[in-house]
Protein backbone atom coordinates (compact mmCIF):
# COMPACT_ATOMS: atom_id res chain seq x y z
CA UNK A 1 -9.14 7.37 9.67
CA UNK A 2 -6.62 9.75 11.10
CA UNK A 3 -4.51 8.05 13.78
CA UNK A 4 -3.61 10.11 16.95
CA UNK A 5 -0.06 9.26 17.89
CA UNK A 6 0.22 8.14 21.49
CA UNK A 7 2.70 9.91 23.72
CA UNK A 8 4.55 8.54 26.82
CA UNK A 9 1.33 7.24 28.22
CA UNK A 10 -2.31 7.01 26.82
CA UNK A 11 -4.34 10.15 26.90
CA UNK A 12 -7.16 8.68 28.93
CA UNK A 13 -7.73 5.95 31.62
CA UNK A 14 -9.98 4.28 28.96
CA UNK A 15 -6.89 3.96 26.64
CA UNK A 16 -4.65 2.64 29.51
CA UNK A 17 -7.37 0.15 30.44
CA UNK A 18 -7.72 -1.07 26.82
CA UNK A 19 -3.93 -1.15 26.44
CA UNK A 20 -3.73 -3.48 29.52
CA UNK A 21 -6.40 -5.68 28.10
CA UNK A 22 -4.58 -6.09 24.76
CA UNK A 23 -1.30 -6.91 26.42
CA UNK A 24 -3.06 -9.43 28.72
CA UNK A 25 -4.55 -11.29 25.74
CA UNK A 26 -1.20 -11.18 23.92
CA UNK A 27 0.50 -12.72 26.98
CA UNK A 28 -2.24 -15.20 27.19
CA UNK A 29 -1.49 -16.49 23.74
CA UNK A 30 2.24 -16.79 24.37
CA UNK A 31 3.54 -13.41 22.94
CA UNK A 32 5.40 -12.43 26.14
CA UNK A 33 8.81 -12.70 24.54
CA UNK A 34 7.67 -10.37 21.82
CA UNK A 35 6.39 -7.80 24.33
CA UNK A 36 9.52 -8.05 26.31
CA UNK A 37 11.58 -7.13 23.17
CA UNK A 38 9.29 -4.07 22.71
CA UNK A 39 10.45 -2.64 26.20
CA UNK A 40 6.91 -2.04 27.14
CA UNK A 41 7.62 -2.31 30.89
CA UNK A 42 9.40 1.09 30.69
CA UNK A 43 6.14 2.64 29.52
CA UNK A 44 3.54 0.88 31.62
CA UNK A 45 5.55 -0.61 34.52
CA UNK A 46 2.69 -1.05 36.90
CA UNK A 47 0.36 -2.53 34.31
CA UNK A 48 3.02 -4.95 33.07
CA UNK A 49 3.53 -6.13 36.60
CA UNK A 50 -0.30 -6.90 36.87
CA UNK A 51 -0.19 -8.79 33.61
CA UNK A 52 2.99 -10.67 34.44
CA UNK A 53 1.32 -12.02 37.66
CA UNK A 54 -1.32 -13.62 35.40
CA UNK A 55 -0.84 -16.98 33.77
CA UNK A 56 -0.93 -16.96 30.02
CA UNK A 57 -2.54 -19.90 28.28
CA UNK A 58 0.00 -22.12 26.62
CA UNK A 59 -1.25 -23.61 23.35
CA UNK A 60 0.84 -26.57 22.37
CA UNK A 61 1.29 -27.49 18.75
CA UNK A 62 0.10 -24.25 17.24
CA UNK A 63 2.09 -21.81 15.14
CA UNK A 64 2.71 -18.16 15.94
CA UNK A 65 0.28 -17.10 13.23
CA UNK A 66 -2.39 -19.44 14.45
CA UNK A 67 -2.06 -18.01 17.88
CA UNK A 68 -2.08 -14.50 16.47
CA UNK A 69 -5.30 -15.23 14.68
CA UNK A 70 -6.96 -16.55 17.90
CA UNK A 71 -5.68 -13.46 19.74
CA UNK A 72 -7.38 -11.21 17.18
CA UNK A 73 -10.69 -13.01 17.61
CA UNK A 74 -10.68 -12.46 21.33
CA UNK A 75 -9.47 -8.90 21.00
CA UNK A 76 -12.69 -7.85 19.28
CA UNK A 77 -14.16 -6.03 16.39
CA UNK A 78 -11.10 -3.86 15.37
CA UNK A 79 -8.62 -6.68 15.39
CA UNK A 80 -11.06 -9.05 13.56
CA UNK A 81 -11.68 -6.45 10.89
CA UNK A 82 -7.91 -5.70 10.63
CA UNK A 83 -7.18 -9.39 10.08
CA UNK A 84 -9.97 -9.66 7.42
CA UNK A 85 -8.68 -6.60 5.56
CA UNK A 86 -5.05 -7.80 5.81
CA UNK A 87 -6.05 -11.28 4.56
CA UNK A 88 -6.42 -9.56 1.16
CA UNK A 89 -2.91 -8.01 1.21
CA UNK A 90 -0.21 -10.62 0.85
CA UNK A 91 2.07 -7.75 -0.29
CA UNK A 92 2.08 -6.39 3.25
CA UNK A 93 2.06 -9.52 5.45
CA UNK A 94 3.63 -13.07 5.09
CA UNK A 95 1.71 -15.55 3.12
CA UNK A 96 1.24 -17.93 6.07
CA UNK A 97 -0.34 -15.17 8.06
CA UNK A 98 -2.68 -14.24 5.12
CA UNK A 99 -3.92 -17.88 5.18
CA UNK A 100 -4.60 -17.71 8.93
CA UNK A 101 -6.36 -14.38 8.71
CA UNK A 102 -8.65 -15.87 6.02
CA UNK A 103 -10.12 -18.13 8.79
CA UNK A 104 -11.08 -15.18 10.98
CA UNK A 105 -14.79 -15.36 11.78
CA UNK A 106 -16.83 -12.24 12.09
CA UNK A 107 -19.05 -14.06 14.48
CA UNK A 108 -20.01 -11.46 17.19
CA UNK A 109 -23.21 -11.43 19.25
CA UNK A 110 -25.90 -8.91 18.16
CA UNK A 111 -26.44 -5.82 20.29
CA UNK A 112 -29.85 -5.28 21.92
CA UNK A 113 -32.68 -3.88 19.91
CA UNK A 114 -33.19 -1.05 22.39
CA UNK A 115 -29.81 0.39 21.17
CA UNK A 116 -30.87 -0.16 17.56
CA UNK A 117 -33.95 1.87 18.11
CA UNK A 118 -31.93 4.61 19.93
CA UNK A 119 -29.27 4.92 17.17
CA UNK A 120 -32.09 4.97 14.41
CA UNK A 121 -34.16 7.56 16.10
CA UNK A 122 -31.20 9.68 17.06
CA UNK A 123 -29.73 9.60 13.50
CA UNK A 124 -33.01 10.20 11.64
CA UNK A 125 -34.52 12.62 14.15
CA UNK A 126 -37.92 10.67 14.23
CA UNK A 127 -39.47 7.86 16.09
CA UNK A 128 -38.94 4.37 14.64
CA UNK A 129 -42.68 3.85 14.24
CA UNK A 130 -43.05 6.94 12.14
CA UNK A 131 -40.15 6.02 9.86
CA UNK A 132 -40.98 2.39 9.21
CA UNK A 133 -44.30 0.37 9.07
CA UNK A 134 -42.39 -2.62 10.25
CA UNK A 135 -38.89 -3.20 11.76
CA UNK A 136 -37.84 -6.72 12.64
CA UNK A 137 -36.27 -6.75 16.05
CA UNK A 138 -34.27 -9.87 15.27
CA UNK A 139 -31.20 -9.10 13.03
CA UNK A 140 -30.72 -11.01 9.78
CA UNK A 141 -26.83 -10.88 10.46
CA UNK A 142 -24.53 -9.35 13.05
CA UNK A 143 -20.94 -8.40 12.22
CA UNK A 144 -18.01 -6.51 13.91
CA UNK A 145 -19.04 -3.22 12.49
CA UNK A 146 -22.77 -3.40 12.42
CA UNK A 147 -25.89 -5.55 12.02
CA UNK A 148 -28.60 -5.82 9.48
CA UNK A 149 -32.39 -5.78 10.12
CA UNK A 150 -35.29 -6.32 7.77
CA UNK A 151 -37.92 -3.58 7.62
CA UNK A 152 -40.68 -1.98 5.58
CA UNK A 153 -40.79 1.83 4.88
CA UNK A 154 -43.93 3.80 5.24
CA UNK A 155 -44.04 3.81 1.45
CA UNK A 156 -44.30 -0.04 1.51
CA UNK A 157 -40.86 -0.72 0.04
CA UNK A 158 -39.16 -3.76 1.57
CA UNK A 159 -35.77 -2.82 2.81
CA UNK A 160 -32.78 -3.97 4.93
CA UNK A 161 -31.30 -1.51 7.48
CA UNK A 162 -27.66 -1.77 8.39
CA UNK A 163 -27.07 -0.16 11.74
CA UNK A 164 -23.61 0.60 13.13
CA UNK A 165 -22.61 -0.73 16.51
CA UNK A 166 -22.80 1.76 19.36
CA UNK A 167 -19.43 3.35 20.16
CA UNK A 168 -17.64 1.41 17.40
CA UNK A 169 -15.95 4.48 15.93
CA UNK A 170 -14.47 5.49 19.33
CA UNK A 171 -13.38 1.84 19.98
CA UNK A 172 -11.57 1.71 16.59
CA UNK A 173 -9.89 5.04 17.18
CA UNK A 174 -8.55 3.85 20.51
CA UNK A 175 -7.37 0.57 19.13
CA UNK A 176 -5.72 2.22 16.12
CA UNK A 177 -3.79 4.53 18.47
CA UNK A 178 -2.57 1.63 20.47
CA UNK A 179 -1.78 -0.44 17.35
CA UNK A 180 0.20 2.35 15.92
CA UNK A 181 2.22 2.67 19.20
CA UNK A 182 2.84 -0.99 19.20
CA UNK A 183 4.01 -0.85 15.51
CA UNK A 184 6.29 2.02 16.23
CA UNK A 185 7.92 0.04 18.99
CA UNK A 186 8.33 -2.97 16.70
CA UNK A 187 10.17 -0.96 14.09
CA UNK A 188 12.35 0.61 16.73
CA UNK A 189 13.25 -2.57 18.65
CA UNK A 190 12.82 -5.43 16.34
CA UNK A 191 15.10 -5.38 13.28
CA UNK A 192 13.36 -8.18 11.34
CA UNK A 193 10.01 -6.33 11.56
CA UNK A 194 11.40 -3.50 9.32
CA UNK A 195 10.80 -5.56 6.19
CA UNK A 196 7.07 -5.44 6.69
CA UNK A 197 6.90 -1.92 7.96
CA UNK A 198 4.29 -2.32 10.72
CA UNK A 199 3.35 1.38 10.80
CA UNK A 200 2.58 1.18 7.00
CA UNK A 201 0.32 -1.73 7.66
CA UNK A 202 -1.63 0.18 10.39
CA UNK A 203 -1.88 3.16 8.09
CA UNK A 204 -3.32 0.97 5.33
CA UNK A 205 -5.80 -0.58 7.77
CA UNK A 206 -6.82 2.89 9.00
CA UNK A 207 -7.62 4.04 5.47
CA UNK A 208 -9.65 0.96 4.72
CA UNK A 209 -11.69 0.96 7.88
CA UNK A 210 -12.63 4.67 7.46
CA UNK A 211 -14.53 3.77 4.30
CA UNK A 212 -16.24 0.83 5.86
CA UNK A 213 -17.64 2.64 8.91
CA UNK A 214 -19.07 5.55 6.95
CA UNK A 215 -22.26 4.22 5.36
CA UNK A 216 -22.77 7.38 3.17
CA UNK A 217 -19.69 6.29 1.28
CA UNK A 218 -21.07 2.82 0.70
CA UNK A 219 -24.25 4.38 -0.55
CA UNK A 220 -22.36 6.53 -3.04
CA UNK A 221 -20.49 3.39 -4.17
CA UNK A 222 -23.74 1.54 -4.85
CA UNK A 223 -25.19 4.21 -6.89
CA UNK A 224 -22.05 4.78 -8.91
CA UNK A 225 -21.84 1.09 -9.47
CA UNK A 226 -25.52 1.04 -10.61
CA UNK A 227 -24.88 3.98 -13.12
CA UNK A 228 -22.07 1.88 -14.76
CA UNK A 229 -24.46 -0.90 -15.65
CA UNK A 230 -27.51 1.01 -16.60
CA UNK A 231 -29.25 -0.86 -19.26
CA UNK A 232 -27.30 -4.09 -18.61
CA UNK A 233 -29.96 -6.75 -17.77
CA UNK A 234 -27.39 -9.23 -16.51
CA UNK A 235 -26.67 -7.09 -13.46
CA UNK A 236 -28.90 -5.75 -10.70
CA UNK A 237 -27.91 -3.30 -7.99
CA UNK A 238 -30.34 -2.67 -5.03
CA UNK A 239 -31.79 0.80 -4.69
CA UNK A 240 -30.50 3.09 -1.90
CA UNK A 241 -33.07 5.05 0.18
CA UNK A 242 -31.37 8.37 1.13
CA UNK A 243 -34.06 9.60 3.41
CA UNK A 244 -33.24 6.85 5.90
CA UNK A 245 -29.43 6.76 5.22
CA UNK A 246 -26.76 8.44 7.30
CA UNK A 247 -23.04 7.75 8.10
CA UNK A 248 -24.26 5.20 10.74
CA UNK A 249 -27.42 3.82 8.98
CA UNK A 250 -27.76 2.39 5.54
CA UNK A 251 -31.19 1.61 4.11
CA UNK A 252 -31.13 -0.58 0.95
CA UNK A 253 -33.75 -2.35 -1.05
CA UNK A 254 -34.33 -5.94 0.14
CA UNK A 255 -33.54 -8.43 -2.58
CA UNK A 256 -34.72 -12.10 -2.29
CA UNK A 257 -32.10 -14.04 -4.22
CA UNK A 258 -30.18 -17.39 -4.10
CA UNK A 259 -26.65 -17.23 -2.68
CA UNK A 260 -24.24 -17.54 -5.58
CA UNK A 261 -22.46 -20.59 -4.09
CA UNK A 262 -25.63 -22.57 -3.12
CA UNK A 263 -25.56 -25.04 -6.09
CA UNK A 264 -28.60 -27.17 -5.02
CA UNK A 265 -30.85 -24.20 -4.81
CA UNK A 266 -29.56 -22.87 -8.15
CA UNK A 267 -30.22 -26.16 -9.87
CA UNK A 268 -33.69 -26.32 -8.14
CA UNK A 269 -34.54 -22.89 -9.56
CA UNK A 270 -33.56 -23.90 -13.04
CA UNK A 271 -30.77 -21.37 -13.33
CA UNK A 272 -27.80 -21.86 -15.63
CA UNK A 273 -24.70 -22.21 -13.59
CA UNK A 274 -22.23 -21.99 -16.58
CA UNK A 275 -23.94 -18.80 -17.75
CA UNK A 276 -23.69 -17.30 -14.39
CA UNK A 277 -19.95 -18.11 -14.11
CA UNK A 278 -19.28 -16.55 -17.55
CA UNK A 279 -21.32 -13.35 -16.77
CA UNK A 280 -19.47 -13.00 -13.45
CA UNK A 281 -16.14 -12.99 -15.30
CA UNK A 282 -17.38 -10.60 -18.03
CA UNK A 283 -18.84 -8.18 -15.61
CA UNK A 284 -15.72 -8.17 -13.43
CA UNK A 285 -13.41 -7.45 -16.38
CA UNK A 286 -15.75 -4.77 -17.64
CA UNK A 287 -15.58 -3.11 -14.31
CA UNK A 288 -11.79 -3.22 -14.28
CA UNK A 289 -10.74 -2.63 -17.92
CA UNK A 290 -13.64 -0.43 -19.04
CA UNK A 291 -15.07 1.37 -16.03
CA UNK A 292 -11.97 1.70 -13.73
CA UNK A 293 -14.30 1.29 -10.70
CA UNK A 294 -14.89 -2.23 -9.46
CA UNK A 295 -16.27 -4.31 -6.59
CA UNK A 296 -13.21 -5.30 -4.57
CA UNK A 297 -14.85 -8.04 -2.54
CA UNK A 298 -17.04 -10.21 -4.76
CA UNK A 299 -17.17 -13.39 -2.57
CA UNK A 300 -20.31 -15.50 -2.53
CA UNK A 301 -21.74 -13.85 0.64
CA UNK A 302 -21.87 -10.49 -1.32
CA UNK A 303 -23.38 -11.90 -4.38
CA UNK A 304 -26.85 -13.43 -5.00
CA UNK A 305 -28.54 -14.74 -8.18
CA UNK A 306 -32.04 -13.54 -9.29
CA UNK A 307 -34.34 -15.17 -11.77
CA UNK A 308 -33.06 -14.97 -15.35
CA UNK A 309 -29.53 -15.66 -14.23
CA UNK A 310 -29.26 -12.03 -13.17
CA UNK A 311 -26.22 -11.41 -10.85
CA UNK A 312 -26.89 -9.05 -7.85
CA UNK A 313 -24.25 -7.43 -5.79
CA UNK A 314 -25.21 -6.68 -2.05
CA UNK A 315 -22.39 -5.00 -0.21
CA UNK A 316 -20.45 -2.03 -1.47
CA UNK A 317 -18.24 -1.22 1.48
CA UNK A 318 -14.99 -2.38 -0.32
CA UNK A 319 -14.63 -0.90 -3.76
CA UNK A 320 -11.38 -0.27 -5.91
CA UNK A 321 -10.31 2.27 -8.42
CA UNK A 322 -7.84 1.85 -11.33
CA UNK A 323 -6.75 4.52 -13.76
CA UNK A 324 -6.17 4.04 -17.55
CA UNK A 325 -2.43 4.02 -17.26
CA UNK A 326 -2.54 1.15 -14.70
CA UNK A 327 -4.96 -0.79 -16.89
CA UNK A 328 -2.55 -0.50 -19.78
CA UNK A 329 0.47 -1.49 -17.62
CA UNK A 330 -1.33 -4.56 -16.31
CA UNK A 331 -2.23 -5.46 -19.97
CA UNK A 332 1.41 -5.06 -20.85
CA UNK A 333 2.34 -7.67 -18.18
CA UNK A 334 -0.13 -10.13 -19.83
CA UNK A 335 1.10 -9.34 -23.36
CA UNK A 336 4.73 -9.80 -22.23
CA UNK A 337 3.73 -13.22 -20.71
CA UNK A 338 2.15 -14.38 -23.97
CA UNK A 339 5.17 -13.16 -26.03
CA UNK A 340 7.55 -14.74 -23.43
CA UNK A 341 9.38 -11.33 -23.11
CA UNK A 342 10.73 -11.17 -19.47
CA UNK A 343 12.33 -7.75 -20.11
CA UNK A 344 8.95 -6.33 -21.16
CA UNK A 345 7.28 -7.88 -18.16
CA UNK A 346 9.91 -6.37 -15.88
CA UNK A 347 9.46 -2.94 -17.43
CA UNK A 348 5.73 -3.07 -16.90
CA UNK A 349 6.16 -4.36 -13.29
CA UNK A 350 8.61 -1.56 -12.43
CA UNK A 351 6.01 0.96 -13.67
CA UNK A 352 3.20 -0.41 -11.44
CA UNK A 353 4.91 -1.32 -8.16
CA UNK A 354 6.42 0.58 -5.26
CA UNK A 355 9.60 -0.03 -3.29
CA UNK A 356 11.87 1.46 -0.62
CA UNK A 357 15.12 0.38 -2.32
CA UNK A 358 15.45 -0.28 -6.15
CA UNK A 359 15.30 -4.10 -6.73
CA UNK A 360 18.04 -5.99 -8.59
CA UNK A 361 16.81 -5.83 -12.14
CA UNK A 362 18.75 -8.79 -13.41
CA UNK A 363 17.57 -11.02 -10.58
CA UNK A 364 13.99 -9.84 -11.11
CA UNK A 365 14.08 -10.67 -14.87
CA UNK A 366 15.52 -14.13 -14.02
CA UNK A 367 12.66 -14.76 -11.69
CA UNK A 368 10.18 -13.53 -14.32
CA UNK A 369 11.80 -15.88 -16.92
CA UNK A 370 11.50 -18.88 -14.55
CA UNK A 371 7.81 -17.89 -13.99
CA UNK A 372 7.22 -17.79 -17.74
CA UNK A 373 8.78 -21.12 -18.28
CA UNK A 374 6.69 -22.58 -15.43
CA UNK A 375 3.33 -21.64 -16.94
CA UNK A 376 3.84 -21.04 -20.66
CA UNK A 377 3.53 -24.55 -21.79
CA UNK A 378 0.77 -25.73 -19.58
CA UNK A 379 -2.51 -26.52 -21.22
CA UNK A 380 -5.00 -23.66 -20.91
CA UNK A 381 -7.50 -25.72 -18.90
CA UNK A 382 -4.85 -26.45 -16.32
CA UNK A 383 -3.92 -22.71 -15.85
CA UNK A 384 -5.71 -20.76 -13.07
CA UNK A 385 -5.40 -17.07 -12.56
CA UNK A 386 -5.25 -17.51 -8.92
CA UNK A 387 -2.07 -19.55 -9.06
CA UNK A 388 -0.46 -17.18 -11.57
CA UNK A 389 -1.24 -14.15 -9.63
CA UNK A 390 -0.18 -15.58 -6.40
CA UNK A 391 3.14 -16.58 -7.93
CA UNK A 392 3.56 -12.99 -9.00
CA UNK A 393 2.69 -11.81 -5.40
CA UNK A 394 5.30 -14.16 -4.02
CA UNK A 395 7.85 -12.81 -6.52
CA UNK A 396 7.10 -9.25 -5.47
CA UNK A 397 7.61 -10.22 -1.78
CA UNK A 398 11.09 -11.78 -2.51
CA UNK A 399 12.15 -8.60 -4.14
CA UNK A 400 10.50 -6.34 -1.54
CA UNK A 401 8.15 -4.77 -4.12
CA UNK A 402 4.73 -3.47 -3.19
CA UNK A 403 1.59 -3.09 -5.10
CA UNK A 404 -0.65 -0.01 -4.71
CA UNK A 405 -3.81 -0.91 -2.75
CA UNK A 406 -6.27 -0.64 -5.63
CA UNK A 407 -3.97 -2.90 -7.89
CA UNK A 408 -3.99 -5.50 -5.23
CA UNK A 409 -7.77 -5.22 -4.84
CA UNK A 410 -8.04 -5.67 -8.60
CA UNK A 411 -6.13 -8.92 -8.30
CA UNK A 412 -8.15 -9.96 -5.30
CA UNK A 413 -11.43 -9.40 -7.28
CA UNK A 414 -10.16 -11.48 -10.14
CA UNK A 415 -9.11 -14.37 -7.95
CA UNK A 416 -12.40 -14.37 -6.01
CA UNK A 417 -14.51 -14.37 -9.24
CA UNK A 418 -12.44 -17.20 -10.56
CA UNK A 419 -12.86 -19.19 -7.40
CA UNK A 420 -16.69 -18.70 -7.63
CA UNK A 421 -16.66 -19.44 -11.35
CA UNK A 422 -14.95 -22.80 -10.70
CA UNK A 423 -17.48 -23.70 -8.04
CA UNK A 424 -20.39 -22.96 -10.51
CA UNK A 425 -18.61 -24.48 -13.51
CA UNK A 426 -15.63 -26.95 -13.13
CA UNK A 427 -14.66 -26.17 -16.78
CA UNK A 428 -14.55 -22.40 -16.23
CA UNK A 429 -11.34 -20.73 -17.47
CA UNK A 430 -10.61 -17.23 -16.35
CA UNK A 431 -7.72 -16.90 -18.72
CA UNK A 432 -9.96 -17.32 -21.85
CA UNK A 433 -12.42 -14.70 -20.39
CA UNK A 434 -9.74 -11.87 -20.00
CA UNK A 435 -8.33 -12.22 -23.46
CA UNK A 436 -11.03 -10.14 -25.40
CA UNK A 437 -10.67 -7.38 -22.81
CA UNK A 438 -6.89 -7.23 -23.28
CA UNK A 439 -7.29 -7.13 -27.01
CA UNK A 440 -9.87 -4.32 -26.81
CA UNK A 441 -7.47 -2.39 -24.57
CA UNK A 442 -4.66 -2.89 -27.14
CA UNK A 443 -6.90 -1.60 -29.88
CA UNK A 444 -7.84 1.46 -27.90
CA UNK A 445 -4.21 2.37 -27.49
CA UNK A 446 -3.79 2.64 -31.23
CA UNK A 447 -7.09 4.06 -32.08
CA UNK A 448 -6.87 7.40 -33.98
CA UNK A 449 -9.04 9.14 -31.35
CA UNK A 450 -6.71 8.05 -28.53
CA UNK A 451 -3.59 8.91 -30.52
CA UNK A 452 -5.03 12.43 -31.34
CA UNK A 453 -5.88 12.94 -27.75
CA UNK A 454 -2.34 12.06 -26.74
CA UNK A 455 -0.97 14.45 -29.37
CA UNK A 456 -3.13 17.32 -28.23
CA UNK A 457 -2.19 16.70 -24.60
CA UNK A 458 1.47 16.85 -25.65
CA UNK A 459 0.90 19.93 -27.76
CA UNK A 460 -0.76 21.70 -24.90
CA UNK A 461 2.24 20.91 -22.76
CA UNK A 462 4.65 22.16 -25.39
CA UNK A 463 2.71 25.26 -25.99
CA UNK A 464 3.57 26.50 -22.53
CA UNK A 465 7.28 26.06 -22.98
CA UNK A 466 8.12 29.26 -24.84
CA UNK A 467 6.25 31.34 -22.23
CA UNK A 468 7.98 29.52 -19.35
CA UNK A 469 11.40 30.10 -21.16
CA UNK A 470 10.65 33.76 -21.75
CA UNK A 471 9.81 34.17 -18.06
CA UNK A 472 13.00 32.47 -17.04
CA UNK A 473 15.16 34.82 -19.28
CA UNK A 474 13.32 37.85 -17.99
CA UNK A 475 14.03 36.94 -14.32
CA UNK A 476 17.75 36.26 -15.19
CA UNK A 477 18.07 39.68 -16.97
CA UNK A 478 16.64 41.59 -14.04
CA UNK A 479 18.69 39.67 -11.60
CA UNK A 480 15.71 38.04 -9.77
CA UNK A 481 16.81 34.52 -10.73
CA UNK A 482 20.24 32.91 -10.46
CA UNK A 483 21.53 29.71 -11.80
CA UNK A 484 23.52 27.59 -9.28
CA UNK A 485 25.77 24.82 -10.46
CA UNK A 486 26.51 21.97 -8.15
CA UNK A 487 29.68 20.09 -9.12
CA UNK A 488 29.46 16.43 -8.13
CA UNK A 489 32.68 14.22 -7.88
CA UNK A 490 35.09 17.02 -8.52
CA UNK A 491 36.45 17.24 -4.92
CA UNK A 492 39.61 15.03 -5.51
CA UNK A 493 40.49 16.98 -8.60
CA UNK A 494 40.18 20.31 -6.83
CA UNK A 495 42.26 19.00 -3.96
CA UNK A 496 44.95 17.81 -6.38
CA UNK A 497 45.14 21.02 -8.21
CA UNK A 498 45.44 23.05 -4.87
CA UNK A 499 48.19 20.67 -3.64
CA UNK A 500 50.12 21.04 -6.95
CA UNK A 501 49.75 24.93 -6.80
CA UNK A 502 51.18 24.91 -3.27
CA UNK A 503 54.22 22.96 -4.28
CA UNK A 504 54.90 25.18 -7.32
CA UNK A 505 54.56 28.20 -5.06
CA UNK A 506 57.06 26.77 -2.50
CA UNK A 507 59.39 25.89 -5.41
CA UNK A 508 59.25 29.51 -6.73
CA UNK A 509 60.08 30.85 -3.25
CA UNK A 510 63.06 28.46 -2.92
CA UNK A 511 64.30 29.53 -6.38
CA UNK A 512 63.87 33.24 -5.51
CA UNK A 513 65.89 32.77 -2.29
CA UNK A 514 68.74 31.02 -4.29
CA UNK A 515 68.82 33.71 -6.95
CA UNK A 516 68.64 36.48 -4.44
CA UNK A 517 71.36 34.97 -2.27
CA UNK A 518 73.58 34.52 -5.28
CA UNK A 519 73.23 38.22 -6.30
CA UNK A 520 74.15 39.28 -2.80
CA UNK A 521 77.22 37.01 -2.85
CA UNK A 522 78.32 38.59 -6.07
CA UNK A 523 77.87 42.14 -4.79
CA UNK A 524 79.66 41.34 -1.37
CA UNK A 525 77.85 43.97 0.82
CA UNK A 526 78.03 44.18 4.64
CA UNK A 527 79.66 41.73 7.02
CA UNK A 528 81.07 38.45 5.81
CA UNK A 529 81.70 34.93 7.18
CA UNK A 530 84.34 32.64 5.66
CA UNK A 531 84.90 35.35 3.07
CA UNK A 532 81.25 35.34 1.88
CA UNK A 533 78.56 37.87 2.63
CA UNK A 534 76.61 36.79 5.83
CA UNK A 535 73.14 37.72 4.26
CA UNK A 536 73.77 35.60 1.19
CA UNK A 537 74.75 32.61 3.43
CA UNK A 538 71.46 33.05 5.48
CA UNK A 539 69.51 33.05 2.17
CA UNK A 540 71.22 29.78 1.01
CA UNK A 541 70.50 28.21 4.32
CA UNK A 542 66.79 28.97 4.17
CA UNK A 543 66.59 27.82 0.61
CA UNK A 544 68.31 24.53 1.70
CA UNK A 545 65.93 23.95 4.64
CA UNK A 546 62.84 24.69 2.54
CA UNK A 547 64.08 22.52 -0.33
CA UNK A 548 64.71 19.60 1.99
CA UNK A 549 61.20 20.03 3.60
CA UNK A 550 59.59 20.17 0.10
CA UNK A 551 61.34 16.92 -0.88
CA UNK A 552 60.15 15.18 2.29
CA UNK A 553 56.55 16.33 1.72
CA UNK A 554 56.54 15.15 -1.88
CA UNK A 555 58.06 11.75 -0.86
CA UNK A 556 55.49 11.26 1.82
CA UNK A 557 52.65 11.84 -0.67
CA UNK A 558 53.92 8.85 -2.62
CA UNK A 559 54.40 10.89 -5.85
CA UNK A 560 57.97 11.94 -6.75
């Protein structure tokens, strides 16, 4: 979502009113000292006076991060969703704040059915009774972005209809504008905030929320995901009904399954928990290492189990992409870990991360060596991917390294699947499950077809070199192109040569004066003084003065 940058004051009265509301709640939860450091009174003097007259609630014994989480819950949908998204990005915010944001509850009251009817009829350009045989007025669930109703189409398919909250896009746009303004002030006025780059955090959130509030994108994700697993009987993806789907409404097949974490119901239905855990891991690694398109939020609420131990994914709002190069780099990290090669791990890490300033390579390799020593000799059953990956993320934070969003989503997906797998099967081991996929990836890299493809790609690139070289020579010959040479580090040398040249020139002038004066003295022309020609004496005097001045100049330079 594009963020409009706020000027001296908000564009509309509504923005000003919302800004005052946000500041009031932040004051209420004890962030007045932070807001004072942002110099907000110079922007909203009257509003700040109104706020300062109010009493902010003092919450004793709570940390700053706990109070921030409570403030987000009171600030509403945008801030709740931002906290939930950022709770998956420990490379952007401190680990303690991540833990607090994972507690955010998306528990918001449903909006009235009259508004649901109005939105559906407006979006689909037809009365609700014409579109559906049945539409339950009571929502199955309500969240910050929308709510879900059960319904039946006129063609008798049982469906769920996700309806976006009225005015939510405008609310998010206004809040994002205010958030970006606050983030800009933080970077300008609070030196320690620069580490976390608040404006970048807001930008990341804006990109994520844009995908979630456009239900057409979610529908496309669901259909692409279904195509990836065509013919795979272990996976089921609900059908999308496009005739009743828009950017604000999503109609999806209703699936009656058992929540993946409901162990009693799974046991009662005679389902195999160990098999479900193993299938969940295999499906996740197939998405990541074979398909390159994966479900980035596979928590138990988004997964249900159908008869036959079939895994059904329900929500496709958050998906991730990973290219072949990133897959191979991630595999190199795992291979380097197995071989206990910290230099190879560091090389792979440097290919996959982003940074503002290059890290200290020696310090990074030292941390990686310590990490390898910590985990290498542990029994396999005691090793959990969530611990290993979290240790990696903490290491990245120490060296101010950032992961691209999709790489982070990949890690998040792995850790969530491992967590669910351990709930289903206490003996579940994610490390064992990833090994076959890493081996397959290694074999693909040396497969003749892959090597031939790389060779052909290189040949295509090299094929264009002679033509580019010919074009460059043609332009040089015609005078249309020029080669500029920029000498770096030669300034002291050039200065020294110029200074030496000046001294030599001065010495030549002095020598010429002495020789000329001597010739005049020998010829004895014109007037004389003390029996010597006056012109010759003047020449000697000038040569003497210049010689003394040259000696002083050389002595002052420190080089005789």
